Amino acid sequence: MSKFSLNNKVASVVCGLSGIGKTISLSFAQLGIAVVTFDFNLDSAKEMVLCLNEVEFVTLNGN
């Protein structure tokens, strides 16, 4: 069992819909962190929702 868990945590990622912010958002989601982000581009936001819905979760201890 891991000494700490990121499950059920929330991260706010500024500019999280493109570039490095998008990569960070998706990485956090893979670790079980709920991601909150925003953008003025509605199409980018819709694309991110689709990406986050397809994320496969991983754990820090390799299981």
PDB file of N, CA and C in Angstrom:
ATOM      1  N   MET A   1       0.835  -1.178   0.000  1.00  0.00           N
ATOM      2  CA  MET A   1       0.000   0.000   0.000  1.00  0.00           C
ATOM      3  C   MET A   1       0.884   1.246   0.000  1.00  0.00           C
ATOM      4  N   SER A   2       0.565   2.190  -0.823  1.00  0.00           N
ATOM      5  CA  SER A   2       1.329   3.426  -0.924  1.00  0.00           C
ATOM      6  C   SER A   2       1.159   4.254   0.348  1.00  0.00           C
ATOM      7  N   LYS A   3       2.195   5.006   0.718  1.00  0.00           N
ATOM      8  CA  LYS A   3       2.132   5.838   1.913  1.00  0.00           C
ATOM      9  C   LYS A   3       1.235   7.050   1.717  1.00  0.00           C
ATOM     10  N   PHE A   4       1.036   7.430   0.489  1.00  0.00           N
ATOM     11  CA  PHE A   4       0.129   8.548   0.201  1.00  0.00           C
ATOM     12  C   PHE A   4      -0.632   8.254  -1.071  1.00  0.00           C
ATOM     13  N   SER A   5      -1.746   8.921  -1.199  1.00  0.00           N
ATOM     14  CA  SER A   5      -2.601   8.699  -2.354  1.00  0.00           C
ATOM     15  C   SER A   5      -3.043  10.036  -2.921  1.00  0.00           C
ATOM     16  N   LEU A   6      -3.140  10.095  -4.227  1.00  0.00           N
ATOM     17  CA  LEU A   6      -3.636  11.301  -4.883  1.00  0.00           C
ATOM     18  C   LEU A   6      -5.093  11.137  -5.292  1.00  0.00           C
ATOM     19  N   ASN A   7      -5.670   9.964  -5.041  1.00  0.00           N
ATOM     20  CA  ASN A   7      -7.089   9.755  -5.329  1.00  0.00           C
ATOM     21  C   ASN A   7      -7.923  10.709  -4.495  1.00  0.00           C
ATOM     22  N   ASN A   8      -9.013  11.167  -5.065  1.00  0.00           N
ATOM     23  CA  ASN A   8      -9.944  12.071  -4.392  1.00  0.00           C
ATOM     24  C   ASN A   8      -9.348  13.432  -4.082  1.00  0.00           C
ATOM     25  N   LYS A   9      -8.283  13.810  -4.766  1.00  0.00           N
ATOM     26  CA  LYS A   9      -7.713  15.153  -4.654  1.00  0.00           C
ATOM     27  C   LYS A   9      -8.174  15.960  -5.864  1.00  0.00           C
ATOM     28  N   VAL A  10      -8.082  17.273  -5.756  1.00  0.00           N
ATOM     29  CA  VAL A  10      -8.500  18.152  -6.841  1.00  0.00           C
ATOM     30  C   VAL A  10      -7.340  19.071  -7.203  1.00  0.00           C
ATOM     31  N   ALA A  11      -7.078  19.222  -8.500  1.00  0.00           N
ATOM     32  CA  ALA A  11      -6.038  20.138  -8.973  1.00  0.00           C
ATOM     33  C   ALA A  11      -6.656  21.151  -9.923  1.00  0.00           C
ATOM     34  N   SER A  12      -6.269  22.394  -9.756  1.00  0.00           N
ATOM     35  CA  SER A  12      -6.676  23.451 -10.673  1.00  0.00           C
ATOM     36  C   SER A  12      -5.493  23.744 -11.580  1.00  0.00           C
ATOM     37  N   VAL A  13      -5.692  23.586 -12.881  1.00  0.00           N
ATOM     38  CA  VAL A  13      -4.615  23.798 -13.849  1.00  0.00           C
ATOM     39  C   VAL A  13      -4.981  24.988 -14.728  1.00  0.00           C
ATOM     40  N   VAL A  14      -4.232  26.076 -14.582  1.00  0.00           N
ATOM     41  CA  VAL A  14      -4.474  27.260 -15.398  1.00  0.00           C
ATOM     42  C   VAL A  14      -3.948  26.985 -16.805  1.00  0.00           C
ATOM     43  N   CYS A  15      -4.719  27.352 -17.801  1.00  0.00           N
ATOM     44  CA  CYS A  15      -4.366  27.099 -19.209  1.00  0.00           C
ATOM     45  C   CYS A  15      -4.155  25.606 -19.448  1.00  0.00           C
ATOM     46  N   GLY A  16      -5.051  24.803 -18.894  1.00  0.00           N
ATOM     47  CA  GLY A  16      -4.899  23.359 -18.949  1.00  0.00           C
ATOM     48  C   GLY A  16      -5.483  22.685 -20.164  1.00  0.00           C
ATOM     49  N   LEU A  17      -5.832  23.444 -21.188  1.00  0.00           N
ATOM     50  CA  LEU A  17      -6.463  22.841 -22.360  1.00  0.00           C
ATOM     51  C   LEU A  17      -5.556  22.748 -23.574  1.00  0.00           C
ATOM     52  N   SER A  18      -4.313  23.220 -23.444  1.00  0.00           N
ATOM     53  CA  SER A  18      -3.394  23.108 -24.573  1.00  0.00           C
ATOM     54  C   SER A  18      -1.959  23.074 -24.058  1.00  0.00           C
ATOM     55  N   GLY A  19      -1.077  22.602 -24.886  1.00  0.00           N
ATOM     56  CA  GLY A  19       0.348  22.585 -24.561  1.00  0.00           C
ATOM     57  C   GLY A  19       0.673  21.826 -23.296  1.00  0.00           C
ATOM     58  N   ILE A  20       1.620  22.389 -22.523  1.00  0.00           N
ATOM     59  CA  ILE A  20       2.065  21.728 -21.293  1.00  0.00           C
ATOM     60  C   ILE A  20       0.939  21.611 -20.275  1.00  0.00           C
ATOM     61  N   GLY A  21       0.033  22.574 -20.249  1.00  0.00           N
ATOM     62  CA  GLY A  21      -1.102  22.510 -19.329  1.00  0.00           C
ATOM     63  C   GLY A  21      -1.987  21.312 -19.603  1.00  0.00           C
ATOM     64  N   LYS A  22      -2.190  21.001 -20.873  1.00  0.00           N
ATOM     65  CA  LYS A  22      -2.991  19.834 -21.238  1.00  0.00           C
ATOM     66  C   LYS A  22      -2.297  18.554 -20.802  1.00  0.00           C
ATOM     67  N   THR A  23      -0.988  18.495 -20.993  1.00  0.00           N
ATOM     68  CA  THR A  23      -0.219  17.326 -20.579  1.00  0.00           C
ATOM     69  C   THR A  23      -0.293  17.137 -19.070  1.00  0.00           C
ATOM     70  N   ILE A  24      -0.176  18.229 -18.330  1.00  0.00           N
ATOM     71  CA  ILE A  24      -0.273  18.160 -16.872  1.00  0.00           C
ATOM     72  C   ILE A  24      -1.671  17.702 -16.459  1.00  0.00           C
ATOM     73  N   SER A  25      -2.694  18.266 -17.077  1.00  0.00           N
ATOM     74  CA  SER A  25      -4.076  17.892 -16.753  1.00  0.00           C
ATOM     75  C   SER A  25      -4.311  16.405 -16.967  1.00  0.00           C
ATOM     76  N   LEU A  26      -3.868  15.890 -18.095  1.00  0.00           N
ATOM     77  CA  LEU A  26      -4.061  14.468 -18.401  1.00  0.00           C
ATOM     78  C   LEU A  26      -3.239  13.583 -17.464  1.00  0.00           C
ATOM     79  N   SER A  27      -2.030  14.023 -17.120  1.00  0.00           N
ATOM     80  CA  SER A  27      -1.191  13.254 -16.193  1.00  0.00           C
ATOM     81  C   SER A  27      -1.827  13.196 -14.816  1.00  0.00           C
ATOM     82  N   PHE A  28      -2.329  14.323 -14.341  1.00  0.00           N
ATOM     83  CA  PHE A  28      -3.017  14.338 -13.044  1.00  0.00           C
ATOM     84  C   PHE A  28      -4.222  13.406 -13.069  1.00  0.00           C
ATOM     85  N   ALA A  29      -4.995  13.452 -14.137  1.00  0.00           N
ATOM     86  CA  ALA A  29      -6.183  12.604 -14.245  1.00  0.00           C
ATOM     87  C   ALA A  29      -5.806  11.123 -14.195  1.00  0.00           C
ATOM     88  N   GLN A  30      -4.678  10.768 -14.807  1.00  0.00           N
ATOM     89  CA  GLN A  30      -4.235   9.376 -14.783  1.00  0.00           C
ATOM     90  C   GLN A  30      -3.900   8.915 -13.370  1.00  0.00           C
ATOM     91  N   LEU A  31      -3.527   9.847 -12.507  1.00  0.00           N
ATOM     92  CA  LEU A  31      -3.197   9.517 -11.124  1.00  0.00           C
ATOM     93  C   LEU A  31      -4.426   9.550 -10.215  1.00  0.00           C
ATOM     94  N   GLY A  32      -5.596   9.809 -10.791  1.00  0.00           N
ATOM     95  CA  GLY A  32      -6.823   9.808 -10.010  1.00  0.00           C
ATOM     96  C   GLY A  32      -7.205  11.159  -9.445  1.00  0.00           C
ATOM     97  N   ILE A  33      -6.523  12.205  -9.867  1.00  0.00           N
ATOM     98  CA  ILE A  33      -6.813  13.554  -9.390  1.00  0.00           C
ATOM     99  C   ILE A  33      -7.922  14.154 -10.253  1.00  0.00           C
ATOM    100  N   ALA A  34      -8.915  14.762  -9.599  1.00  0.00           N
ATOM    101  CA  ALA A  34      -9.956  15.478 -10.339  1.00  0.00           C
ATOM    102  C   ALA A  34      -9.337  16.779 -10.850  1.00  0.00           C
ATOM    103  N   VAL A  35      -9.492  17.049 -12.131  1.00  0.00           N
ATOM    104  CA  VAL A  35      -8.856  18.212 -12.752  1.00  0.00           C
ATOM    105  C   VAL A  35      -9.892  19.290 -13.041  1.00  0.00           C
ATOM    106  N   VAL A  36      -9.593  20.503 -12.593  1.00  0.00           N
ATOM    107  CA  VAL A  36     -10.427  21.663 -12.881  1.00  0.00           C
ATOM    108  C   VAL A  36      -9.582  22.609 -13.723  1.00  0.00           C
ATOM    109  N   THR A  37     -10.079  22.956 -14.898  1.00  0.00           N
ATOM    110  CA  THR A  37      -9.350  23.889 -15.755  1.00  0.00           C
ATOM    111  C   THR A  37     -10.356  24.703 -16.553  1.00  0.00           C
ATOM    112  N   PHE A  38      -9.881  25.683 -17.267  1.00  0.00           N
ATOM    113  CA  PHE A  38     -10.777  26.539 -18.036  1.00  0.00           C
ATOM    114  C   PHE A  38     -10.076  27.079 -19.265  1.00  0.00           C
ATOM    115  N   ASP A  39     -10.879  27.554 -20.192  1.00  0.00           N
ATOM    116  CA  ASP A  39     -10.347  28.167 -21.401  1.00  0.00           C
ATOM    117  C   ASP A  39     -11.472  28.969 -22.030  1.00  0.00           C
ATOM    118  N   PHE A  40     -11.123  29.951 -22.803  1.00  0.00           N
ATOM    119  CA  PHE A  40     -12.128  30.740 -23.506  1.00  0.00           C
ATOM    120  C   PHE A  40     -12.593  30.060 -24.785  1.00  0.00           C
ATOM    121  N   ASN A  41     -11.894  29.016 -25.195  1.00  0.00           N
ATOM    122  CA  ASN A  41     -12.212  28.304 -26.419  1.00  0.00           C
ATOM    123  C   ASN A  41     -13.087  27.093 -26.084  1.00  0.00           C
ATOM    124  N   LEU A  42     -14.371  27.185 -26.405  1.00  0.00           N
ATOM    125  CA  LEU A  42     -15.319  26.118 -26.083  1.00  0.00           C
ATOM    126  C   LEU A  42     -14.949  24.806 -26.765  1.00  0.00           C
ATOM    127  N   ASP A  43     -14.441  24.870 -27.985  1.00  0.00           N
ATOM    128  CA  ASP A  43     -14.053  23.648 -28.692  1.00  0.00           C
ATOM    129  C   ASP A  43     -12.930  22.917 -27.955  1.00  0.00           C
ATOM    130  N   SER A  44     -11.957  23.666 -27.429  1.00  0.00           N
ATOM    131  CA  SER A  44     -10.870  23.053 -26.654  1.00  0.00           C
ATOM    132  C   SER A  44     -11.407  22.395 -25.392  1.00  0.00           C
ATOM    133  N   ALA A  45     -12.352  23.049 -24.747  1.00  0.00           N
ATOM    134  CA  ALA A  45     -12.940  22.496 -23.526  1.00  0.00           C
ATOM    135  C   ALA A  45     -13.674  21.191 -23.826  1.00  0.00           C
ATOM    136  N   LYS A  46     -14.428  21.159 -24.906  1.00  0.00           N
ATOM    137  CA  LYS A  46     -15.150  19.941 -25.276  1.00  0.00           C
ATOM    138  C   LYS A  46     -14.178  18.809 -25.597  1.00  0.00           C
ATOM    139  N   GLU A  47     -13.082  19.132 -26.280  1.00  0.00           N
ATOM    140  CA  GLU A  47     -12.070  18.130 -26.616  1.00  0.00           C
ATOM    141  C   GLU A  47     -11.431  17.570 -25.344  1.00  0.00           C
ATOM    142  N   MET A  48     -11.162  18.451 -24.372  1.00  0.00           N
ATOM    143  CA  MET A  48     -10.540  18.001 -23.126  1.00  0.00           C
ATOM    144  C   MET A  48     -11.474  17.072 -22.360  1.00  0.00           C
ATOM    145  N   VAL A  49     -12.761  17.363 -22.349  1.00  0.00           N
ATOM    146  CA  VAL A  49     -13.723  16.477 -21.675  1.00  0.00           C
ATOM    147  C   VAL A  49     -13.664  15.091 -22.295  1.00  0.00           C
ATOM    148  N   LEU A  50     -13.603  15.013 -23.600  1.00  0.00           N
ATOM    149  CA  LEU A  50     -13.512  13.713 -24.269  1.00  0.00           C
ATOM    150  C   LEU A  50     -12.218  12.998 -23.901  1.00  0.00           C
ATOM    151  N   CYS A  51     -11.111  13.735 -23.857  1.00  0.00           N
ATOM    152  CA  CYS A  51      -9.822  13.136 -23.495  1.00  0.00           C
ATOM    153  C   CYS A  51      -9.847  12.616 -22.059  1.00  0.00           C
ATOM    154  N   LEU A  52     -10.382  13.409 -21.145  1.00  0.00           N
ATOM    155  CA  LEU A  52     -10.412  13.003 -19.744  1.00  0.00           C
ATOM    156  C   LEU A  52     -11.318  11.797 -19.527  1.00  0.00           C
ATOM    157  N   ASN A  53     -12.367  11.673 -20.317  1.00  0.00           N
ATOM    158  CA  ASN A  53     -13.258  10.522 -20.192  1.00  0.00           C
ATOM    159  C   ASN A  53     -12.594   9.230 -20.643  1.00  0.00           C
ATOM    160  N   GLU A  54     -11.510   9.321 -21.426  1.00  0.00           N
ATOM    161  CA  GLU A  54     -10.815   8.146 -21.935  1.00  0.00           C
ATOM    162  C   GLU A  54      -9.559   7.796 -21.143  1.00  0.00           C
ATOM    163  N   VAL A  55      -9.276   8.545 -20.091  1.00  0.00           N
ATOM    164  CA  VAL A  55      -8.053   8.339 -19.315  1.00  0.00           C
ATOM    165  C   VAL A  55      -8.099   7.001 -18.605  1.00  0.00           C
ATOM    166  N   GLU A  56      -6.964   6.278 -18.673  1.00  0.00           N
ATOM    167  CA  GLU A  56      -6.801   5.052 -17.910  1.00  0.00           C
ATOM    168  C   GLU A  56      -6.003   5.405 -16.669  1.00  0.00           C
ATOM    169  N   PHE A  57      -6.499   4.991 -15.506  1.00  0.00           N
ATOM    170  CA  PHE A  57      -5.870   5.360 -14.255  1.00  0.00           C
ATOM    171  C   PHE A  57      -4.666   4.482 -13.962  1.00  0.00           C
ATOM    172  N   VAL A  58      -3.662   5.065 -13.335  1.00  0.00           N
ATOM    173  CA  VAL A  58      -2.477   4.344 -12.892  1.00  0.00           C
ATOM    174  C   VAL A  58      -2.272   4.636 -11.408  1.00  0.00           C
ATOM    175  N   THR A  59      -1.472   3.820 -10.752  1.00  0.00           N
ATOM    176  CA  THR A  59      -1.147   4.067  -9.357  1.00  0.00           C
ATOM    177  C   THR A  59       0.338   4.331  -9.220  1.00  0.00           C
ATOM    178  N   LEU A  60       0.725   4.996  -8.150  1.00  0.00           N
ATOM    179  CA  LEU A  60       2.117   5.353  -7.961  1.00  0.00           C
ATOM    180  C   LEU A  60       2.990   4.159  -7.586  1.00  0.00           C
ATOM    181  N   ASN A  61       2.400   3.096  -7.058  1.00  0.00           N
ATOM    182  CA  ASN A  61       3.203   1.946  -6.650  1.00  0.00           C
ATOM    183  C   ASN A  61       3.339   0.919  -7.771  1.00  0.00           C
ATOM    184  N   GLY A  62       2.918   1.254  -8.979  1.00  0.00           N
ATOM    185  CA  GLY A  62       3.105   0.381 -10.131  1.00  0.00           C
ATOM    186  C   GLY A  62       2.050  -0.660 -10.349  1.00  0.00           C
ATOM    187  N   ASN A  63       1.006  -0.677  -9.543  1.00  0.00           N
ATOM    188  CA  ASN A  63      -0.069  -1.664  -9.719  1.00  0.00           C
ATOM    189  C   ASN A  63      -1.113  -1.185 -10.670  1.00  0.00           C
TER     190      ASN A  63
END
